[in-house]
């Protein structure tokens, strides 16, 4: 049996990006992580990914509710739920083309490790099973990410950041955003300042060690640092800060060895989400797009397509 949400021939293609921002997005990402903690396997499709879940009634209901919720904030996805016979597993498929595949890879940290290992809530048996599967997969496959493609992604994100900053008028600098905690200038400063943490996250993945204060501490501290640090920020200053950290990220990218891409940990600033060296670097783009959406929604502008 298959449940499918398919766009009609006359439906215009939605922009690739979540419509949520700020605390709403953070809360939604925790829900996403908890759902994909139950994924036993994932496979790449020509235009997306499919994920295998247990075939219980509980999971069938949970996945149906998840798809219904995701349709509200990620309207660009085409969803399928496939129920195998004899109470077999449930497959959830996410389609939408190469831009959507990139969004999934970034948002869900897909690399050559089992995606379900990203969750902070897990059972011992499930964790053991996924660890064994991942170890076996790493022994039989060796997918080396395309370093030049990642560099191009980072450069494109830098250009998009410059374009966004330059599009903000002096009057708009202090306007509110879709994130209730920050104004436009504060978010732009946060993006520039926060870019310094990605090379640190890579180093934490290499070592397999990281400090992880609870979210109830991280969120208010993050907001406070941004509000204080952004005082006196100007477009020129945030651009200079971003460019300096962008150069450090590129140096970090160049320094990644072939056997380091899949090393992972829950790095500081990831709010308890497991990341690998590869997904930390991809998170530069995701972090920008998250806050770009906050700013554009606050200004009443449409987000550009990915």
Protein backbone atom coordinates (compact mmCIF):
# COMPACT_ATOMS: atom_id res chain seq x y z
CA UNK A 1 0.00 0.00 0.00
CA UNK A 2 1.33 3.43 -0.88
CA UNK A 3 0.32 6.87 0.35
CA UNK A 4 1.65 9.54 -1.96
CA UNK A 5 1.58 13.32 -2.11
CA UNK A 6 2.23 14.18 -5.74
CA UNK A 7 2.20 17.72 -7.15
CA UNK A 8 -0.28 18.31 -9.93
CA UNK A 9 0.89 19.31 -13.37
CA UNK A 10 -0.36 22.83 -12.79
CA UNK A 11 1.18 23.32 -9.33
CA UNK A 12 4.12 25.77 -9.47
CA UNK A 13 7.39 24.52 -8.02
CA UNK A 14 7.83 25.73 -4.43
CA UNK A 15 11.14 27.29 -3.31
CA UNK A 16 13.46 24.80 -1.61
CA UNK A 17 13.65 25.90 2.01
CA UNK A 18 11.80 25.49 5.27
CA UNK A 19 9.28 28.23 6.02
CA UNK A 20 10.03 28.09 9.76
CA UNK A 21 12.64 30.22 11.46
CA UNK A 22 14.15 30.93 14.86
CA UNK A 23 12.87 28.91 17.82
CA UNK A 24 10.20 27.25 15.67
CA UNK A 25 12.84 25.82 13.36
CA UNK A 26 15.01 24.68 16.27
CA UNK A 27 12.04 22.89 17.80
CA UNK A 28 11.11 21.32 14.48
CA UNK A 29 14.66 20.06 13.95
CA UNK A 30 14.45 18.23 17.28
CA UNK A 31 11.28 16.50 16.06
CA UNK A 32 13.00 15.61 12.77
CA UNK A 33 16.00 14.17 14.62
CA UNK A 34 13.77 12.06 16.89
CA UNK A 35 11.86 10.63 13.91
CA UNK A 36 14.96 9.74 11.90
CA UNK A 37 16.46 8.10 14.99
CA UNK A 38 14.20 5.19 14.09
CA UNK A 39 15.50 4.86 10.56
CA UNK A 40 17.18 1.48 10.04
CA UNK A 41 18.51 2.20 6.57
CA UNK A 42 18.52 4.85 3.88
CA UNK A 43 19.00 4.65 0.13
CA UNK A 44 19.70 7.27 -2.48
CA UNK A 45 17.11 7.75 -5.22
CA UNK A 46 17.54 9.62 -8.53
CA UNK A 47 15.62 12.59 -7.15
CA UNK A 48 15.79 12.11 -3.37
CA UNK A 49 16.17 9.51 -0.62
CA UNK A 50 14.15 6.71 0.96
CA UNK A 51 14.31 5.65 4.61
CA UNK A 52 13.34 2.31 6.18
CA UNK A 53 11.44 2.28 9.47
CA UNK A 54 9.94 -0.50 11.62
CA UNK A 55 6.61 -1.86 10.37
CA UNK A 56 4.67 -1.40 13.60
CA UNK A 57 1.33 0.39 13.82
CA UNK A 58 2.95 2.99 16.07
CA UNK A 59 5.52 3.86 13.41
CA UNK A 60 2.93 3.87 10.63
CA UNK A 61 0.91 6.46 12.56
CA UNK A 62 3.96 8.46 13.56
CA UNK A 63 5.27 8.71 10.00
CA UNK A 64 1.85 9.66 8.65
CA UNK A 65 1.62 12.48 11.19
CA UNK A 66 5.20 13.53 10.39
CA UNK A 67 4.47 13.82 6.66
CA UNK A 68 1.33 15.83 7.37
CA UNK A 69 3.34 18.27 9.51
CA UNK A 70 6.23 18.56 7.06
CA UNK A 71 3.84 19.49 4.24
CA UNK A 72 3.04 22.68 6.15
CA UNK A 73 6.61 23.99 6.37
CA UNK A 74 8.45 22.18 3.53
CA UNK A 75 5.97 22.43 0.68
CA UNK A 76 8.54 21.53 -2.00
CA UNK A 77 8.78 17.86 -0.97
CA UNK A 78 6.99 15.01 -2.70
CA UNK A 79 6.32 12.37 -0.03
CA UNK A 80 5.62 8.65 -0.31
CA UNK A 81 4.91 6.13 2.44
CA UNK A 82 5.21 2.51 1.30
CA UNK A 83 3.92 -0.22 3.62
CA UNK A 84 5.50 -3.61 2.93
CA UNK A 85 3.17 -6.67 3.18
CA UNK A 86 2.96 -9.00 6.20
CA UNK A 87 3.68 -6.13 8.61
CA UNK A 88 7.01 -5.52 6.94
CA UNK A 89 8.92 -2.25 7.17
CA UNK A 90 7.57 1.16 6.23
CA UNK A 91 9.56 3.14 3.65
CA UNK A 92 9.35 6.92 3.63
CA UNK A 93 10.48 8.51 0.37
CA UNK A 94 11.37 12.17 -0.08
CA UNK A 95 11.60 13.37 -3.69
CA UNK A 96 12.11 16.65 -5.49
CA UNK A 97 15.19 16.84 -7.69
CA UNK A 98 18.85 17.69 -7.11
CA UNK A 99 18.16 20.88 -5.13
CA UNK A 100 15.94 18.90 -2.79
CA UNK A 101 18.57 16.17 -2.45
CA UNK A 102 21.08 18.80 -1.41
CA UNK A 103 18.62 20.18 1.14
CA UNK A 104 18.10 16.69 2.60
CA UNK A 105 21.83 16.01 2.76
CA UNK A 106 22.45 19.27 4.60
CA UNK A 107 19.45 19.21 6.91
CA UNK A 108 19.70 15.54 7.86
CA UNK A 109 23.51 15.24 7.75
CA UNK A 110 23.48 12.39 5.24
CA UNK A 111 26.94 11.04 4.53
CA UNK A 112 28.21 7.48 4.52
CA UNK A 113 27.31 6.86 8.18
CA UNK A 114 23.82 5.68 9.07
CA UNK A 115 21.65 8.77 9.31
CA UNK A 116 19.77 7.46 12.31
CA UNK A 117 22.92 7.84 14.38
CA UNK A 118 22.26 11.60 14.43
CA UNK A 119 19.62 11.30 17.13
CA UNK A 120 20.34 11.96 20.79
CA UNK A 121 17.53 9.63 21.96
CA UNK A 122 18.21 6.00 21.19
CA UNK A 123 17.88 2.45 22.51
CA UNK A 124 20.91 0.30 23.16
CA UNK A 125 19.92 -2.40 20.67
CA UNK A 126 19.13 0.06 17.89
CA UNK A 127 22.38 1.91 18.47
CA UNK A 128 24.35 -1.34 18.44
CA UNK A 129 22.66 -2.47 15.23
CA UNK A 130 23.29 0.84 13.45
CA UNK A 131 26.90 0.99 14.64
CA UNK A 132 27.54 -2.50 13.24
CA UNK A 133 25.82 -1.63 9.95
CA UNK A 134 27.82 1.56 9.63
CA UNK A 135 31.07 -0.22 10.39
CA UNK A 136 30.33 -2.87 7.78
CA UNK A 137 29.41 -0.22 5.23
CA UNK A 138 32.61 1.74 5.89
CA UNK A 139 34.62 -1.44 5.36
CA UNK A 140 33.04 -2.14 1.98
CA UNK A 141 32.61 1.37 0.60
CA UNK A 142 34.75 4.48 0.63
CA UNK A 143 32.84 7.48 -0.60
CA UNK A 144 35.11 10.50 -0.71
CA UNK A 145 33.16 13.78 -0.92
CA UNK A 146 33.83 16.10 -3.82
CA UNK A 147 36.04 18.72 -2.20
CA UNK A 148 35.76 21.13 -5.13
CA UNK A 149 31.96 20.92 -5.10
CA UNK A 150 31.95 21.72 -1.39
CA UNK A 151 34.26 24.68 -2.04
CA UNK A 152 31.86 25.96 -4.69
CA UNK A 153 28.96 25.57 -2.26
CA UNK A 154 30.83 27.59 0.38
CA UNK A 155 31.78 30.30 -2.12
CA UNK A 156 28.17 30.51 -3.31
CA UNK A 157 27.04 30.90 0.31
CA UNK A 158 29.55 33.70 0.83
CA UNK A 159 28.27 35.47 -2.28
CA UNK A 160 24.69 35.06 -1.08
CA UNK A 161 25.65 36.49 2.32
CA UNK A 162 27.30 39.51 0.67
CA UNK A 163 24.25 40.01 -1.53
CA UNK A 164 21.92 39.86 1.45
CA UNK A 165 23.95 42.32 3.52
CA UNK A 166 24.19 44.79 0.64
CA UNK A 167 20.44 44.57 0.03
CA UNK A 168 19.65 45.82 3.55
CA UNK A 169 19.06 49.56 3.81
CA UNK A 170 20.11 51.54 6.93
CA UNK A 171 16.46 51.74 7.99
CA UNK A 172 16.04 47.98 7.63
CA UNK A 173 19.13 47.15 9.71
CA UNK A 174 17.19 47.42 12.98
CA UNK A 175 13.91 45.93 11.75
CA UNK A 176 12.46 42.78 13.33
CA UNK A 177 12.86 39.37 11.70
CA UNK A 178 10.83 36.17 11.81
CA UNK A 179 13.09 35.19 14.73
CA UNK A 180 11.49 37.01 17.68
CA UNK A 181 14.79 37.24 19.53
CA UNK A 182 16.85 39.13 16.96
CA UNK A 183 16.72 42.04 14.54
CA UNK A 184 18.23 42.03 11.05
CA UNK A 185 21.61 43.52 11.95
CA UNK A 186 21.92 41.13 14.88
CA UNK A 187 21.33 38.07 12.69
CA UNK A 188 23.83 39.28 10.09
CA UNK A 189 26.42 39.72 12.84
CA UNK A 190 25.52 36.28 14.24
CA UNK A 191 26.15 34.65 10.85
CA UNK A 192 29.55 36.30 10.52
CA UNK A 193 30.57 35.53 14.10
CA UNK A 194 29.15 32.01 14.06
CA UNK A 195 31.17 31.09 10.96
CA UNK A 196 34.21 30.86 13.23
CA UNK A 197 32.74 27.80 14.94
CA UNK A 198 32.65 25.51 11.92
CA UNK A 199 36.42 24.81 11.83
CA UNK A 200 36.21 24.19 15.58
CA UNK A 201 33.39 21.73 14.95
CA UNK A 202 35.53 19.90 12.42
CA UNK A 203 38.35 19.62 14.95
CA UNK A 204 35.93 18.27 17.56
CA UNK A 205 34.76 15.63 15.06
CA UNK A 206 38.36 14.64 14.45
CA UNK A 207 38.99 14.17 18.16
CA UNK A 208 35.59 12.63 18.89
CA UNK A 209 35.18 14.95 21.88
CA UNK A 210 32.99 18.00 22.40
CA UNK A 211 31.28 19.94 25.15
CA UNK A 212 27.50 19.90 24.89
CA UNK A 213 25.67 22.23 27.27
CA UNK A 214 21.91 21.56 27.29
CA UNK A 215 19.69 23.51 24.89
CA UNK A 216 18.05 25.42 27.73
CA UNK A 217 21.48 26.94 28.41
CA UNK A 218 22.71 27.26 24.82
CA UNK A 219 19.68 29.12 23.44
CA UNK A 220 19.66 32.06 25.90
CA UNK A 221 23.47 32.30 25.87
CA UNK A 222 23.47 32.37 22.07
CA UNK A 223 20.88 35.15 22.04
CA UNK A 224 22.73 37.16 24.70
CA UNK A 225 26.09 36.90 22.94
CA UNK A 226 24.51 38.04 19.68
CA UNK A 227 22.72 40.99 21.22
CA UNK A 228 25.87 42.20 22.96
CA UNK A 229 28.34 41.37 20.20
CA UNK A 230 26.30 43.02 17.47
CA UNK A 231 26.29 46.42 19.16
CA UNK A 232 27.94 48.86 16.81
CA UNK A 233 27.97 46.34 13.95
CA UNK A 234 27.91 47.79 10.46
CA UNK A 235 27.54 46.18 7.04
CA UNK A 236 31.25 46.67 6.36
CA UNK A 237 32.29 45.10 9.64
CA UNK A 238 30.11 42.03 9.33
CA UNK A 239 31.30 41.47 5.76
CA UNK A 240 34.93 41.66 6.89
CA UNK A 241 34.27 39.28 9.79
CA UNK A 242 32.45 36.81 7.56
CA UNK A 243 35.19 36.88 4.92
CA UNK A 244 37.90 36.26 7.52
CA UNK A 245 36.03 33.23 8.87
CA UNK A 246 35.19 32.06 5.35
CA UNK A 247 38.91 31.91 4.59
CA UNK A 248 39.45 29.82 7.73
CA UNK A 249 36.68 27.44 6.67
CA UNK A 250 38.30 26.97 3.25
CA UNK A 251 41.67 26.28 4.93
CA UNK A 252 39.89 23.76 7.13
CA UNK A 253 38.31 22.14 4.06
CA UNK A 254 41.69 21.82 2.37
CA UNK A 255 43.10 20.14 5.47
CA UNK A 256 40.55 17.32 5.68
CA UNK A 257 42.16 13.95 4.99
CA UNK A 258 40.35 11.21 3.06
CA UNK A 259 39.87 9.09 6.20
CA UNK A 260 38.45 11.96 8.26
CA UNK A 261 35.22 12.84 6.45
CA UNK A 262 33.09 10.39 8.44
CA UNK A 263 34.57 11.08 11.85
CA UNK A 264 31.84 12.53 14.01
CA UNK A 265 30.63 13.83 17.33
CA UNK A 266 27.92 16.11 18.73
CA UNK A 267 29.87 19.37 18.41
CA UNK A 268 29.35 22.54 20.42
CA UNK A 269 26.66 24.64 18.79
CA UNK A 270 24.92 21.68 17.10
CA UNK A 271 22.36 21.45 19.92
CA UNK A 272 22.88 17.75 20.54
CA UNK A 273 22.81 16.63 16.89
CA UNK A 274 25.45 14.14 15.75
CA UNK A 275 27.57 15.53 12.92
CA UNK A 276 30.50 14.38 10.84
CA UNK A 277 33.35 16.42 9.42
CA UNK A 278 31.49 16.50 6.11
CA UNK A 279 28.13 17.56 7.55
CA UNK A 280 29.72 20.25 9.74
CA UNK A 281 31.13 21.91 6.63
CA UNK A 282 27.79 21.61 4.80
CA UNK A 283 26.14 23.21 7.83
CA UNK A 284 27.70 26.55 6.85
CA UNK A 285 25.17 26.78 4.03
CA UNK A 286 22.27 25.45 6.08
CA UNK A 287 22.97 27.97 8.86
CA UNK A 288 22.93 30.83 6.36
CA UNK A 289 19.72 29.68 4.68
CA UNK A 290 18.00 29.27 8.04
CA UNK A 291 18.67 32.89 9.01
CA UNK A 292 18.26 34.24 5.49
CA UNK A 293 14.69 32.98 5.73
CA UNK A 294 14.26 34.79 9.08
CA UNK A 295 15.40 38.08 7.55
CA UNK A 296 13.45 37.85 4.30
CA UNK A 297 10.25 36.90 6.08
CA UNK A 298 10.70 39.89 8.39
CA UNK A 299 11.05 42.13 5.35
CA UNK A 300 8.19 40.50 3.50
CA UNK A 301 10.46 39.30 0.71
CA UNK A 302 10.42 35.92 -1.00
CA UNK A 303 13.34 33.59 -0.38
CA UNK A 304 15.34 32.76 -3.52
CA UNK A 305 15.13 29.23 -4.87
CA UNK A 306 18.03 26.95 -3.92
